[in-house]
N, C-alpha and C. Protein backbone atom coordinates (compact mmCIF):
# COMPACT_ATOMS: atom_id res chain seq x y z
N MET A 1 -19.12 10.29 11.51
CA MET A 1 -19.84 9.07 11.09
C MET A 1 -18.86 8.08 10.51
N LEU A 2 -19.01 6.83 10.84
CA LEU A 2 -18.11 5.81 10.34
C LEU A 2 -18.48 5.43 8.91
N PHE A 3 -17.44 5.19 8.09
CA PHE A 3 -17.77 4.86 6.70
C PHE A 3 -18.45 3.51 6.61
N PHE A 4 -18.27 2.65 7.60
CA PHE A 4 -18.93 1.35 7.57
C PHE A 4 -20.46 1.50 7.60
N GLN A 5 -20.93 2.63 8.05
CA GLN A 5 -22.37 2.84 8.16
C GLN A 5 -22.98 3.37 6.86
N VAL A 6 -22.13 3.88 5.98
CA VAL A 6 -22.71 4.60 4.85
C VAL A 6 -22.22 4.10 3.51
N LEU A 7 -21.28 3.13 3.50
CA LEU A 7 -20.64 2.85 2.24
C LEU A 7 -21.22 1.72 1.44
N PRO A 8 -20.59 1.52 0.30
CA PRO A 8 -20.92 0.80 -0.90
C PRO A 8 -21.21 -0.67 -0.78
N PHE A 9 -20.97 -1.28 -1.95
CA PHE A 9 -21.41 -2.64 -2.16
C PHE A 9 -22.91 -2.67 -1.86
N LEU A 10 -23.62 -1.64 -2.28
CA LEU A 10 -25.05 -1.57 -2.03
C LEU A 10 -25.80 -2.15 -3.22
N VAL A 11 -26.72 -3.07 -2.97
CA VAL A 11 -27.52 -3.68 -4.03
C VAL A 11 -28.96 -3.80 -3.54
N LEU A 12 -29.86 -4.01 -4.49
CA LEU A 12 -31.26 -4.21 -4.15
C LEU A 12 -31.55 -5.70 -3.99
N VAL A 13 -32.09 -6.06 -2.85
CA VAL A 13 -32.50 -7.44 -2.60
C VAL A 13 -33.95 -7.40 -2.13
N ASN A 14 -34.84 -7.96 -2.95
CA ASN A 14 -36.27 -7.93 -2.64
C ASN A 14 -36.76 -6.50 -2.36
N GLY A 15 -36.23 -5.57 -3.14
CA GLY A 15 -36.67 -4.20 -3.02
C GLY A 15 -36.01 -3.43 -1.91
N LEU A 16 -35.11 -4.07 -1.15
CA LEU A 16 -34.44 -3.40 -0.04
C LEU A 16 -32.97 -3.18 -0.38
N VAL A 17 -32.42 -2.06 0.05
CA VAL A 17 -31.01 -1.78 -0.15
C VAL A 17 -30.21 -2.51 0.91
N THR A 18 -29.24 -3.28 0.48
CA THR A 18 -28.39 -4.01 1.43
C THR A 18 -26.94 -3.97 0.95
N ARG A 19 -26.03 -4.45 1.76
CA ARG A 19 -24.62 -4.43 1.40
C ARG A 19 -24.24 -5.76 0.76
N GLN A 20 -23.36 -5.68 -0.25
CA GLN A 20 -22.89 -6.87 -0.92
C GLN A 20 -21.41 -7.04 -0.67
N LYS A 21 -21.01 -8.18 -0.17
CA LYS A 21 -19.60 -8.43 0.07
C LYS A 21 -18.86 -8.55 -1.27
N PRO A 22 -17.68 -7.92 -1.40
CA PRO A 22 -16.94 -8.00 -2.65
C PRO A 22 -16.56 -9.44 -2.97
N ASN A 23 -16.45 -9.75 -4.25
CA ASN A 23 -16.19 -11.11 -4.67
C ASN A 23 -14.78 -11.59 -4.34
N SER A 24 -13.80 -10.70 -4.48
CA SER A 24 -12.42 -11.12 -4.28
C SER A 24 -11.54 -9.92 -3.97
N LEU A 25 -10.36 -10.21 -3.43
CA LEU A 25 -9.38 -9.16 -3.21
C LEU A 25 -8.98 -8.52 -4.53
N LEU A 26 -8.93 -9.31 -5.58
CA LEU A 26 -8.61 -8.77 -6.90
C LEU A 26 -9.58 -7.66 -7.28
N ASP A 27 -10.87 -7.88 -7.06
CA ASP A 27 -11.87 -6.86 -7.34
C ASP A 27 -11.61 -5.60 -6.52
N GLN A 28 -11.26 -5.79 -5.27
CA GLN A 28 -11.01 -4.64 -4.39
C GLN A 28 -9.81 -3.82 -4.86
N ILE A 29 -8.73 -4.50 -5.21
CA ILE A 29 -7.54 -3.79 -5.67
C ILE A 29 -7.85 -3.00 -6.93
N GLN A 30 -8.56 -3.60 -7.84
CA GLN A 30 -8.87 -2.92 -9.10
C GLN A 30 -9.82 -1.75 -8.87
N GLN A 31 -10.64 -1.83 -7.84
CA GLN A 31 -11.53 -0.72 -7.54
C GLN A 31 -10.73 0.49 -7.04
N VAL A 32 -9.72 0.23 -6.21
CA VAL A 32 -8.91 1.32 -5.69
C VAL A 32 -7.89 1.79 -6.71
N CYS A 33 -7.27 0.85 -7.41
CA CYS A 33 -6.24 1.12 -8.42
C CYS A 33 -6.80 0.76 -9.79
N PRO A 34 -7.59 1.62 -10.41
CA PRO A 34 -8.27 1.25 -11.65
C PRO A 34 -7.33 0.93 -12.81
N GLY A 35 -6.08 1.36 -12.72
CA GLY A 35 -5.14 1.07 -13.79
C GLY A 35 -4.36 -0.21 -13.60
N SER A 36 -4.69 -0.97 -12.55
CA SER A 36 -3.88 -2.13 -12.19
C SER A 36 -4.25 -3.42 -12.91
N SER A 37 -5.14 -3.35 -13.86
CA SER A 37 -5.53 -4.57 -14.58
C SER A 37 -4.49 -4.99 -15.60
N THR A 38 -3.58 -4.07 -15.95
CA THR A 38 -2.55 -4.37 -16.95
C THR A 38 -1.31 -3.54 -16.68
N CYS A 39 -0.18 -4.02 -17.19
CA CYS A 39 1.07 -3.26 -17.11
C CYS A 39 1.44 -2.67 -18.48
N ALA A 40 0.54 -2.79 -19.43
CA ALA A 40 0.79 -2.21 -20.75
C ALA A 40 0.94 -0.70 -20.62
N GLY A 41 2.04 -0.16 -21.16
CA GLY A 41 2.27 1.28 -21.09
C GLY A 41 2.78 1.77 -19.77
N ALA A 42 3.23 0.87 -18.91
CA ALA A 42 3.72 1.26 -17.59
C ALA A 42 4.97 2.12 -17.69
N VAL A 43 5.14 3.01 -16.73
CA VAL A 43 6.33 3.84 -16.66
C VAL A 43 7.58 2.97 -16.56
N ALA A 44 7.49 1.92 -15.75
CA ALA A 44 8.61 0.98 -15.57
C ALA A 44 8.05 -0.44 -15.65
N PRO A 45 7.95 -1.00 -16.85
CA PRO A 45 7.32 -2.32 -17.02
C PRO A 45 7.92 -3.40 -16.14
N ASP A 46 9.23 -3.35 -15.87
CA ASP A 46 9.86 -4.38 -15.05
C ASP A 46 9.51 -4.23 -13.57
N GLU A 47 9.03 -3.06 -13.18
CA GLU A 47 8.64 -2.82 -11.79
C GLU A 47 7.14 -2.97 -11.58
N CYS A 48 6.38 -2.90 -12.63
CA CYS A 48 4.92 -2.92 -12.54
C CYS A 48 4.40 -4.29 -12.13
N ARG A 49 3.31 -4.27 -11.38
CA ARG A 49 2.58 -5.48 -11.06
C ARG A 49 1.09 -5.20 -11.25
N THR A 50 0.38 -6.19 -11.71
CA THR A 50 -1.06 -6.06 -11.85
C THR A 50 -1.74 -6.40 -10.53
N ALA A 51 -3.02 -6.13 -10.47
CA ALA A 51 -3.78 -6.50 -9.28
C ALA A 51 -3.70 -8.00 -9.04
N THR A 52 -3.76 -8.77 -10.11
CA THR A 52 -3.68 -10.22 -10.00
C THR A 52 -2.36 -10.66 -9.39
N GLN A 53 -1.27 -10.06 -9.84
CA GLN A 53 0.05 -10.45 -9.35
C GLN A 53 0.28 -10.01 -7.91
N SER A 54 -0.27 -8.89 -7.53
CA SER A 54 0.01 -8.32 -6.21
C SER A 54 -0.90 -8.85 -5.11
N ALA A 55 -2.06 -9.34 -5.46
CA ALA A 55 -3.07 -9.72 -4.47
C ALA A 55 -2.57 -10.67 -3.38
N PRO A 56 -1.86 -11.75 -3.72
CA PRO A 56 -1.42 -12.67 -2.65
C PRO A 56 -0.48 -12.00 -1.65
N PHE A 57 0.34 -11.07 -2.12
CA PHE A 57 1.30 -10.42 -1.24
C PHE A 57 0.61 -9.40 -0.33
N PHE A 58 -0.38 -8.69 -0.88
CA PHE A 58 -1.17 -7.80 -0.04
C PHE A 58 -1.94 -8.59 1.01
N ALA A 59 -2.47 -9.73 0.62
CA ALA A 59 -3.24 -10.55 1.55
C ALA A 59 -2.39 -10.94 2.75
N THR A 60 -1.14 -11.30 2.49
CA THR A 60 -0.22 -11.66 3.57
C THR A 60 0.14 -10.46 4.43
N ALA A 61 0.47 -9.35 3.77
CA ALA A 61 0.94 -8.16 4.48
C ALA A 61 -0.14 -7.54 5.35
N LEU A 62 -1.39 -7.65 4.94
CA LEU A 62 -2.48 -6.97 5.65
C LEU A 62 -3.32 -7.92 6.50
N ASN A 63 -2.90 -9.15 6.59
CA ASN A 63 -3.64 -10.12 7.41
C ASN A 63 -3.76 -9.64 8.85
N GLY A 64 -4.96 -9.64 9.36
CA GLY A 64 -5.18 -9.24 10.75
C GLY A 64 -5.40 -7.77 10.98
N THR A 65 -5.35 -6.97 9.93
CA THR A 65 -5.58 -5.53 10.08
C THR A 65 -7.06 -5.19 9.89
N THR A 66 -7.44 -4.01 10.31
CA THR A 66 -8.84 -3.59 10.21
C THR A 66 -9.17 -3.08 8.82
N PRO A 67 -10.45 -3.09 8.44
CA PRO A 67 -10.83 -2.53 7.14
C PRO A 67 -10.38 -1.08 6.96
N GLY A 68 -10.40 -0.29 8.04
CA GLY A 68 -9.96 1.10 7.93
C GLY A 68 -8.49 1.21 7.61
N VAL A 69 -7.67 0.38 8.24
CA VAL A 69 -6.24 0.35 7.94
C VAL A 69 -6.01 -0.15 6.52
N GLN A 70 -6.73 -1.17 6.12
CA GLN A 70 -6.58 -1.70 4.77
C GLN A 70 -6.91 -0.63 3.73
N ALA A 71 -7.97 0.12 3.95
CA ALA A 71 -8.33 1.19 3.03
C ALA A 71 -7.24 2.25 2.96
N ALA A 72 -6.70 2.62 4.12
CA ALA A 72 -5.66 3.64 4.15
C ALA A 72 -4.40 3.17 3.43
N ILE A 73 -4.00 1.92 3.66
CA ILE A 73 -2.80 1.37 3.03
C ILE A 73 -2.97 1.34 1.52
N PHE A 74 -4.09 0.84 1.05
CA PHE A 74 -4.30 0.76 -0.40
C PHE A 74 -4.38 2.15 -1.04
N SER A 75 -5.01 3.09 -0.36
CA SER A 75 -5.09 4.44 -0.93
C SER A 75 -3.70 5.04 -1.07
N LEU A 76 -2.84 4.78 -0.08
CA LEU A 76 -1.47 5.29 -0.14
C LEU A 76 -0.67 4.62 -1.25
N VAL A 77 -0.68 3.29 -1.26
CA VAL A 77 0.13 2.55 -2.23
C VAL A 77 -0.30 2.83 -3.66
N CYS A 78 -1.60 2.83 -3.90
CA CYS A 78 -2.07 3.05 -5.27
C CYS A 78 -1.76 4.46 -5.75
N PHE A 79 -1.82 5.43 -4.84
CA PHE A 79 -1.45 6.80 -5.20
C PHE A 79 0.04 6.90 -5.49
N GLU A 80 0.86 6.37 -4.59
CA GLU A 80 2.31 6.53 -4.70
C GLU A 80 2.89 5.82 -5.92
N THR A 81 2.26 4.75 -6.36
CA THR A 81 2.81 3.94 -7.46
C THR A 81 2.04 4.09 -8.77
N LEU A 82 1.13 5.05 -8.81
CA LEU A 82 0.27 5.22 -10.00
C LEU A 82 -0.38 3.90 -10.38
N ASP A 83 -1.08 3.32 -9.44
CA ASP A 83 -1.80 2.06 -9.64
C ASP A 83 -0.86 0.89 -9.88
N LEU A 84 0.17 0.79 -9.04
CA LEU A 84 1.14 -0.31 -9.04
C LEU A 84 2.03 -0.30 -10.28
N ASP A 85 2.20 0.86 -10.86
CA ASP A 85 2.96 1.03 -12.11
C ASP A 85 4.46 0.89 -11.91
N PHE A 86 4.97 1.27 -10.73
CA PHE A 86 6.41 1.21 -10.48
C PHE A 86 6.67 1.09 -8.98
N ARG A 87 7.91 0.85 -8.61
CA ARG A 87 8.26 0.68 -7.19
C ARG A 87 9.54 1.40 -6.80
N THR A 88 10.09 2.18 -7.69
CA THR A 88 11.20 3.08 -7.35
C THR A 88 10.80 4.49 -7.75
N ASN A 89 11.37 5.47 -7.08
CA ASN A 89 11.00 6.85 -7.34
C ASN A 89 11.49 7.29 -8.73
N HIS A 90 10.55 7.65 -9.59
CA HIS A 90 10.88 8.10 -10.95
C HIS A 90 10.69 9.60 -11.12
N PHE A 91 10.00 10.21 -10.23
CA PHE A 91 9.68 11.65 -10.34
C PHE A 91 10.00 12.33 -9.02
N PRO A 92 11.20 12.88 -8.81
CA PRO A 92 12.23 13.19 -9.83
C PRO A 92 13.30 12.12 -10.01
N GLY A 93 13.18 10.98 -9.35
CA GLY A 93 14.20 9.94 -9.46
C GLY A 93 15.15 9.97 -8.29
N ARG A 94 14.60 10.11 -7.09
CA ARG A 94 15.40 10.26 -5.88
C ARG A 94 16.10 8.94 -5.53
N PRO A 95 17.43 8.94 -5.39
CA PRO A 95 18.16 7.71 -5.08
C PRO A 95 17.69 7.06 -3.79
N GLY A 96 17.51 5.75 -3.85
CA GLY A 96 17.16 4.99 -2.66
C GLY A 96 15.71 5.02 -2.25
N GLN A 97 14.92 5.88 -2.82
CA GLN A 97 13.50 5.96 -2.45
C GLN A 97 12.70 4.94 -3.22
N GLY A 98 11.83 4.22 -2.51
CA GLY A 98 11.02 3.25 -3.23
C GLY A 98 10.23 2.31 -2.35
N THR A 99 9.90 1.17 -2.91
CA THR A 99 8.94 0.16 -2.47
C THR A 99 7.54 0.65 -2.78
N SER A 100 6.56 -0.17 -2.51
CA SER A 100 5.19 0.16 -2.87
C SER A 100 4.65 1.38 -2.12
N SER A 101 5.27 1.74 -1.01
CA SER A 101 4.83 2.94 -0.28
C SER A 101 5.74 4.12 -0.52
N MET A 102 6.74 3.95 -1.40
CA MET A 102 7.66 5.02 -1.81
C MET A 102 8.35 5.65 -0.60
N MET A 103 8.90 4.79 0.27
CA MET A 103 9.58 5.29 1.45
C MET A 103 10.90 5.95 1.08
N MET A 104 11.30 6.94 1.89
CA MET A 104 12.61 7.55 1.75
C MET A 104 13.69 6.53 2.14
N PHE A 105 14.92 6.79 1.68
CA PHE A 105 15.97 5.78 1.83
C PHE A 105 16.20 5.36 3.27
N ASP A 106 16.24 6.28 4.22
CA ASP A 106 16.52 5.89 5.60
C ASP A 106 15.52 4.85 6.10
N PHE A 107 14.26 4.99 5.70
CA PHE A 107 13.24 4.02 6.08
C PHE A 107 13.41 2.73 5.30
N VAL A 108 13.79 2.83 4.03
CA VAL A 108 14.05 1.64 3.22
C VAL A 108 15.14 0.79 3.87
N LEU A 109 16.21 1.44 4.29
CA LEU A 109 17.31 0.72 4.95
C LEU A 109 16.84 0.07 6.25
N GLU A 110 16.09 0.79 7.03
CA GLU A 110 15.60 0.24 8.29
C GLU A 110 14.66 -0.93 8.04
N TYR A 111 13.80 -0.80 7.03
CA TYR A 111 12.89 -1.88 6.67
C TYR A 111 13.67 -3.10 6.21
N ALA A 112 14.68 -2.89 5.38
CA ALA A 112 15.48 -4.01 4.88
C ALA A 112 16.14 -4.77 6.03
N ARG A 113 16.54 -4.06 7.05
CA ARG A 113 17.22 -4.70 8.18
C ARG A 113 16.28 -5.58 9.01
N THR A 114 14.99 -5.49 8.78
CA THR A 114 14.06 -6.34 9.52
C THR A 114 14.04 -7.77 9.00
N PHE A 115 14.70 -8.01 7.86
CA PHE A 115 14.74 -9.34 7.27
C PHE A 115 16.12 -9.94 7.46
N PRO A 116 16.26 -10.90 8.39
CA PRO A 116 17.58 -11.46 8.70
C PRO A 116 18.32 -11.98 7.48
N GLU A 117 17.59 -12.54 6.53
CA GLU A 117 18.24 -13.12 5.36
C GLU A 117 18.93 -12.07 4.48
N LEU A 118 18.55 -10.80 4.65
CA LEU A 118 19.18 -9.74 3.87
C LEU A 118 20.38 -9.13 4.59
N GLY A 119 20.58 -9.51 5.85
CA GLY A 119 21.63 -8.90 6.66
C GLY A 119 23.01 -8.91 6.03
N PRO A 120 23.50 -10.07 5.56
CA PRO A 120 24.85 -10.09 4.99
C PRO A 120 25.00 -9.17 3.77
N GLN A 121 23.98 -9.13 2.93
CA GLN A 121 24.05 -8.27 1.75
C GLN A 121 24.03 -6.79 2.15
N ILE A 122 23.21 -6.47 3.13
CA ILE A 122 23.16 -5.08 3.60
C ILE A 122 24.50 -4.67 4.19
N ASP A 123 25.07 -5.53 5.02
CA ASP A 123 26.35 -5.20 5.64
C ASP A 123 27.43 -4.98 4.59
N ALA A 124 27.42 -5.81 3.55
CA ALA A 124 28.41 -5.67 2.49
C ALA A 124 28.24 -4.37 1.73
N LEU A 125 27.00 -3.97 1.53
CA LEU A 125 26.72 -2.74 0.78
C LEU A 125 26.98 -1.49 1.61
N VAL A 126 26.64 -1.56 2.89
CA VAL A 126 26.80 -0.39 3.75
C VAL A 126 28.27 -0.13 4.05
N GLY A 127 29.02 -1.20 4.35
CA GLY A 127 30.44 -1.02 4.67
C GLY A 127 30.63 -0.06 5.83
N SER A 128 31.44 0.95 5.62
CA SER A 128 31.70 1.93 6.67
C SER A 128 30.69 3.07 6.66
N GLY A 129 29.73 3.00 5.75
CA GLY A 129 28.70 4.04 5.69
C GLY A 129 28.13 4.18 4.30
N VAL A 130 26.92 4.70 4.22
CA VAL A 130 26.27 4.92 2.92
C VAL A 130 26.60 6.33 2.45
N THR A 131 27.43 6.42 1.43
CA THR A 131 27.89 7.73 0.97
C THR A 131 27.58 8.01 -0.50
N THR A 132 27.07 7.00 -1.22
CA THR A 132 26.83 7.20 -2.65
C THR A 132 25.39 6.85 -3.02
N ASP A 133 24.94 7.41 -4.12
CA ASP A 133 23.60 7.10 -4.63
C ASP A 133 23.52 5.63 -5.04
N GLN A 134 24.61 5.09 -5.56
CA GLN A 134 24.60 3.69 -5.98
C GLN A 134 24.37 2.77 -4.79
N GLN A 135 24.98 3.08 -3.66
CA GLN A 135 24.72 2.28 -2.46
C GLN A 135 23.26 2.31 -2.08
N LYS A 136 22.67 3.49 -2.13
CA LYS A 136 21.25 3.63 -1.78
C LYS A 136 20.38 2.80 -2.72
N ASN A 137 20.68 2.88 -4.02
CA ASN A 137 19.88 2.14 -4.98
C ASN A 137 20.07 0.63 -4.84
N ASP A 138 21.29 0.21 -4.53
CA ASP A 138 21.55 -1.22 -4.37
C ASP A 138 20.87 -1.77 -3.13
N ILE A 139 20.83 -0.99 -2.07
CA ILE A 139 20.13 -1.42 -0.84
C ILE A 139 18.62 -1.45 -1.09
N ARG A 140 18.13 -0.44 -1.76
CA ARG A 140 16.70 -0.43 -2.12
C ARG A 140 16.32 -1.66 -2.94
N ALA A 141 17.20 -2.06 -3.84
CA ALA A 141 16.92 -3.20 -4.71
C ALA A 141 16.67 -4.48 -3.92
N LEU A 142 17.24 -4.57 -2.73
CA LEU A 142 17.06 -5.77 -1.92
C LEU A 142 15.62 -5.99 -1.48
N VAL A 143 14.86 -4.91 -1.35
CA VAL A 143 13.47 -5.05 -0.87
C VAL A 143 12.44 -4.77 -1.95
N LEU A 144 12.87 -4.84 -3.21
CA LEU A 144 11.92 -4.64 -4.31
C LEU A 144 11.27 -5.95 -4.76
N ASP A 145 11.77 -7.06 -4.27
CA ASP A 145 11.11 -8.33 -4.53
C ASP A 145 9.70 -8.27 -3.96
N ASP A 146 8.76 -8.89 -4.65
CA ASP A 146 7.35 -8.80 -4.25
C ASP A 146 7.12 -9.17 -2.79
N LYS A 147 7.84 -10.16 -2.29
CA LYS A 147 7.58 -10.63 -0.93
C LYS A 147 7.97 -9.59 0.12
N TYR A 148 8.81 -8.63 -0.25
CA TYR A 148 9.16 -7.53 0.64
C TYR A 148 8.41 -6.25 0.26
N ASN A 149 8.35 -6.00 -1.02
CA ASN A 149 7.84 -4.74 -1.53
C ASN A 149 6.46 -4.38 -1.00
N PHE A 150 5.54 -5.33 -1.03
CA PHE A 150 4.16 -5.02 -0.68
C PHE A 150 3.90 -4.98 0.82
N GLY A 151 4.92 -5.25 1.61
CA GLY A 151 4.75 -5.16 3.06
C GLY A 151 5.24 -3.86 3.66
N SER A 152 5.78 -2.96 2.84
CA SER A 152 6.42 -1.77 3.39
C SER A 152 5.43 -0.79 4.03
N ALA A 153 4.27 -0.60 3.43
CA ALA A 153 3.32 0.35 4.00
C ALA A 153 2.77 -0.11 5.34
N PRO A 154 2.36 -1.38 5.48
CA PRO A 154 1.94 -1.83 6.82
C PRO A 154 3.07 -1.74 7.85
N TRP A 155 4.30 -2.05 7.44
CA TRP A 155 5.44 -1.93 8.37
C TRP A 155 5.60 -0.49 8.83
N PHE A 156 5.52 0.45 7.90
CA PHE A 156 5.70 1.86 8.25
C PHE A 156 4.61 2.32 9.21
N LEU A 157 3.38 1.95 8.94
CA LEU A 157 2.28 2.33 9.83
C LEU A 157 2.50 1.78 11.23
N LYS A 158 2.92 0.54 11.33
CA LYS A 158 3.09 -0.10 12.64
C LYS A 158 4.28 0.44 13.40
N ASN A 159 5.37 0.75 12.68
CA ASN A 159 6.63 1.06 13.35
C ASN A 159 7.03 2.52 13.34
N LYS A 160 6.45 3.32 12.47
CA LYS A 160 6.86 4.72 12.35
C LYS A 160 5.74 5.72 12.64
N CYS A 161 4.56 5.23 12.88
CA CYS A 161 3.43 6.10 13.22
C CYS A 161 3.07 5.88 14.68
N ASP A 162 2.57 6.90 15.32
CA ASP A 162 2.06 6.74 16.67
C ASP A 162 0.93 5.72 16.66
N ALA A 163 0.85 4.91 17.68
CA ALA A 163 -0.18 3.87 17.75
C ALA A 163 -1.58 4.44 17.62
N SER A 164 -1.76 5.69 18.01
CA SER A 164 -3.08 6.31 17.94
C SER A 164 -3.55 6.46 16.50
N VAL A 165 -2.61 6.55 15.57
CA VAL A 165 -2.97 6.70 14.16
C VAL A 165 -3.66 5.44 13.65
N SER A 166 -3.05 4.29 13.92
CA SER A 166 -3.64 3.03 13.51
C SER A 166 -4.97 2.78 14.21
N THR A 167 -5.03 3.12 15.47
CA THR A 167 -6.28 2.96 16.22
C THR A 167 -7.39 3.79 15.62
N ALA A 168 -7.06 5.02 15.28
CA ALA A 168 -8.06 5.92 14.69
C ALA A 168 -8.50 5.43 13.31
N LEU A 169 -7.57 4.87 12.54
CA LEU A 169 -7.92 4.39 11.21
C LEU A 169 -8.94 3.27 11.25
N ALA A 170 -8.99 2.55 12.35
CA ALA A 170 -9.98 1.48 12.47
C ALA A 170 -11.40 2.01 12.34
N SER A 171 -11.59 3.29 12.66
CA SER A 171 -12.92 3.89 12.55
C SER A 171 -13.28 4.21 11.11
N GLY A 172 -12.26 4.29 10.25
CA GLY A 172 -12.51 4.58 8.84
C GLY A 172 -12.96 5.99 8.55
N THR A 173 -12.72 6.93 9.44
CA THR A 173 -13.18 8.30 9.22
C THR A 173 -12.20 9.08 8.35
N ASP A 174 -12.72 10.12 7.72
CA ASP A 174 -11.87 10.99 6.91
C ASP A 174 -10.83 11.71 7.77
N ALA A 175 -11.21 12.05 8.98
CA ALA A 175 -10.28 12.72 9.89
C ALA A 175 -9.10 11.81 10.24
N ALA A 176 -9.38 10.52 10.43
CA ALA A 176 -8.32 9.57 10.74
C ALA A 176 -7.37 9.43 9.56
N TYR A 177 -7.92 9.39 8.37
CA TYR A 177 -7.07 9.29 7.18
C TYR A 177 -6.23 10.55 6.99
N ALA A 178 -6.82 11.70 7.23
CA ALA A 178 -6.08 12.96 7.12
C ALA A 178 -4.90 12.98 8.09
N ALA A 179 -5.12 12.48 9.30
CA ALA A 179 -4.04 12.43 10.29
C ALA A 179 -2.95 11.46 9.84
N TYR A 180 -3.34 10.34 9.27
CA TYR A 180 -2.37 9.36 8.76
C TYR A 180 -1.46 9.98 7.70
N ILE A 181 -2.05 10.70 6.77
CA ILE A 181 -1.28 11.29 5.67
C ILE A 181 -0.43 12.46 6.14
N THR A 182 -1.00 13.33 6.93
CA THR A 182 -0.28 14.56 7.29
C THR A 182 0.66 14.38 8.47
N GLN A 183 0.27 13.58 9.45
CA GLN A 183 1.07 13.45 10.66
C GLN A 183 2.01 12.25 10.65
N CYS A 184 1.65 11.21 9.92
CA CYS A 184 2.47 10.01 9.89
C CYS A 184 3.30 9.92 8.61
N VAL A 185 2.64 9.92 7.46
CA VAL A 185 3.36 9.89 6.18
C VAL A 185 4.13 11.20 6.00
N GLY A 186 3.54 12.29 6.49
CA GLY A 186 4.23 13.57 6.47
C GLY A 186 4.15 14.29 5.15
N THR A 187 2.97 14.28 4.55
CA THR A 187 2.80 14.99 3.29
C THR A 187 1.44 15.67 3.26
N THR A 188 1.12 16.30 2.15
CA THR A 188 -0.10 17.09 2.04
C THR A 188 -1.28 16.23 1.59
N LEU A 189 -2.43 16.46 2.15
CA LEU A 189 -3.64 15.75 1.75
C LEU A 189 -4.25 16.46 0.55
N THR A 190 -3.96 15.95 -0.65
CA THR A 190 -4.42 16.57 -1.89
C THR A 190 -5.74 15.96 -2.35
N ASP A 191 -6.34 16.58 -3.34
CA ASP A 191 -7.58 16.05 -3.91
C ASP A 191 -7.36 14.66 -4.52
N ASP A 192 -6.20 14.45 -5.13
CA ASP A 192 -5.91 13.15 -5.73
C ASP A 192 -5.83 12.07 -4.66
N ARG A 193 -5.20 12.39 -3.53
CA ARG A 193 -5.13 11.41 -2.45
C ARG A 193 -6.53 11.12 -1.90
N ILE A 194 -7.34 12.14 -1.77
CA ILE A 194 -8.70 11.96 -1.27
C ILE A 194 -9.50 11.08 -2.21
N ALA A 195 -9.27 11.21 -3.52
CA ALA A 195 -9.98 10.38 -4.50
C ALA A 195 -9.63 8.90 -4.31
N TYR A 196 -8.35 8.62 -4.06
CA TYR A 196 -7.95 7.23 -3.81
C TYR A 196 -8.55 6.73 -2.50
N TRP A 197 -8.57 7.57 -1.49
CA TRP A 197 -9.15 7.20 -0.20
C TRP A 197 -10.64 6.90 -0.35
N THR A 198 -11.33 7.70 -1.12
CA THR A 198 -12.76 7.49 -1.32
C THR A 198 -13.02 6.14 -1.97
N ARG A 199 -12.22 5.80 -2.98
CA ARG A 199 -12.38 4.49 -3.63
C ARG A 199 -12.02 3.36 -2.67
N ALA A 200 -11.00 3.59 -1.85
CA ALA A 200 -10.57 2.55 -0.91
C ALA A 200 -11.63 2.30 0.16
N LYS A 201 -12.25 3.37 0.65
CA LYS A 201 -13.34 3.19 1.61
C LYS A 201 -14.45 2.35 1.01
N ALA A 202 -14.74 2.62 -0.25
CA ALA A 202 -15.80 1.87 -0.93
C ALA A 202 -15.43 0.40 -1.08
N ALA A 203 -14.15 0.14 -1.31
CA ALA A 203 -13.71 -1.23 -1.57
C ALA A 203 -13.59 -2.08 -0.31
N PHE A 204 -13.18 -1.47 0.80
CA PHE A 204 -12.84 -2.27 1.98
C PHE A 204 -13.78 -2.13 3.17
N GLY A 205 -14.66 -1.13 3.18
CA GLY A 205 -15.60 -1.05 4.27
C GLY A 205 -16.94 -1.62 3.86
N PRO A 206 -17.60 -2.35 4.72
CA PRO A 206 -17.23 -2.71 6.09
C PRO A 206 -16.58 -4.09 6.22
N PHE A 207 -16.38 -4.80 5.10
CA PHE A 207 -15.99 -6.20 5.18
C PHE A 207 -14.49 -6.43 5.29
N GLY A 208 -13.68 -5.51 4.80
CA GLY A 208 -12.24 -5.72 4.80
C GLY A 208 -11.79 -6.59 3.65
N LEU A 209 -10.61 -7.18 3.79
CA LEU A 209 -10.03 -7.98 2.73
C LEU A 209 -10.95 -9.13 2.34
N ALA A 210 -11.23 -9.23 1.04
CA ALA A 210 -11.97 -10.38 0.56
C ALA A 210 -11.01 -11.54 0.33
N THR A 211 -11.55 -12.69 0.03
CA THR A 211 -10.73 -13.87 -0.20
C THR A 211 -9.84 -13.67 -1.41
N CYS A 212 -8.60 -14.10 -1.28
CA CYS A 212 -7.67 -14.10 -2.42
C CYS A 212 -7.99 -15.36 -3.21
N SER A 213 -8.82 -15.22 -4.25
CA SER A 213 -9.38 -16.37 -4.93
C SER A 213 -8.32 -17.24 -5.60
N SER A 214 -8.68 -18.46 -5.89
CA SER A 214 -7.74 -19.45 -6.40
C SER A 214 -7.18 -19.09 -7.75
N ASN A 215 -7.86 -18.23 -8.51
CA ASN A 215 -7.35 -17.86 -9.82
C ASN A 215 -6.42 -16.67 -9.75
N VAL A 216 -6.09 -16.21 -8.54
CA VAL A 216 -5.15 -15.13 -8.37
C VAL A 216 -3.79 -15.73 -8.03
N SER A 217 -2.83 -15.50 -8.88
CA SER A 217 -1.51 -16.09 -8.67
C SER A 217 -0.42 -15.16 -9.12
């Protein structure tokens, strides 16, 4: 069964249950990432972003994607960053791992190379090869700017997952999400991940991204 047939934003109108479109993308992000309303007490305050700060970048990165893909991306990002709390790996602190989707360094480097303006800096850092943790961290730092950081998960889905994964996610089914996590991201589908997915389904199905309202900056 598709989640678009059974999910939230349900309200009573003239005694009938109907669906209510979410007010804003900000509301949707906070629904999936309940801790994203503030950066107070963040693990890495300089890396943290609130729902308000991140909304415009998510809107750009996910433009044109399906509600099912949007739900999957947000469930991944919010889980990996503890509700947008940080953007580099702190547990255990793996060199070079990061961005909002917590990609491993090899993917971070490949992602960075997709931006022509970063080419000269990457070439200077790579030199004859990446052999030190400092090189990995310095290359990662190039894509931690908000305009790059929040696009990493959609890029990974498009370029590193089989096309069938994205196609299946359009259905919004639990099976499609399980395949995304286990076969594409390459990790275990835990109860915590399922909890984020459940909130994301509620936030993005069936309408998808809401308007990034004018008070979001």
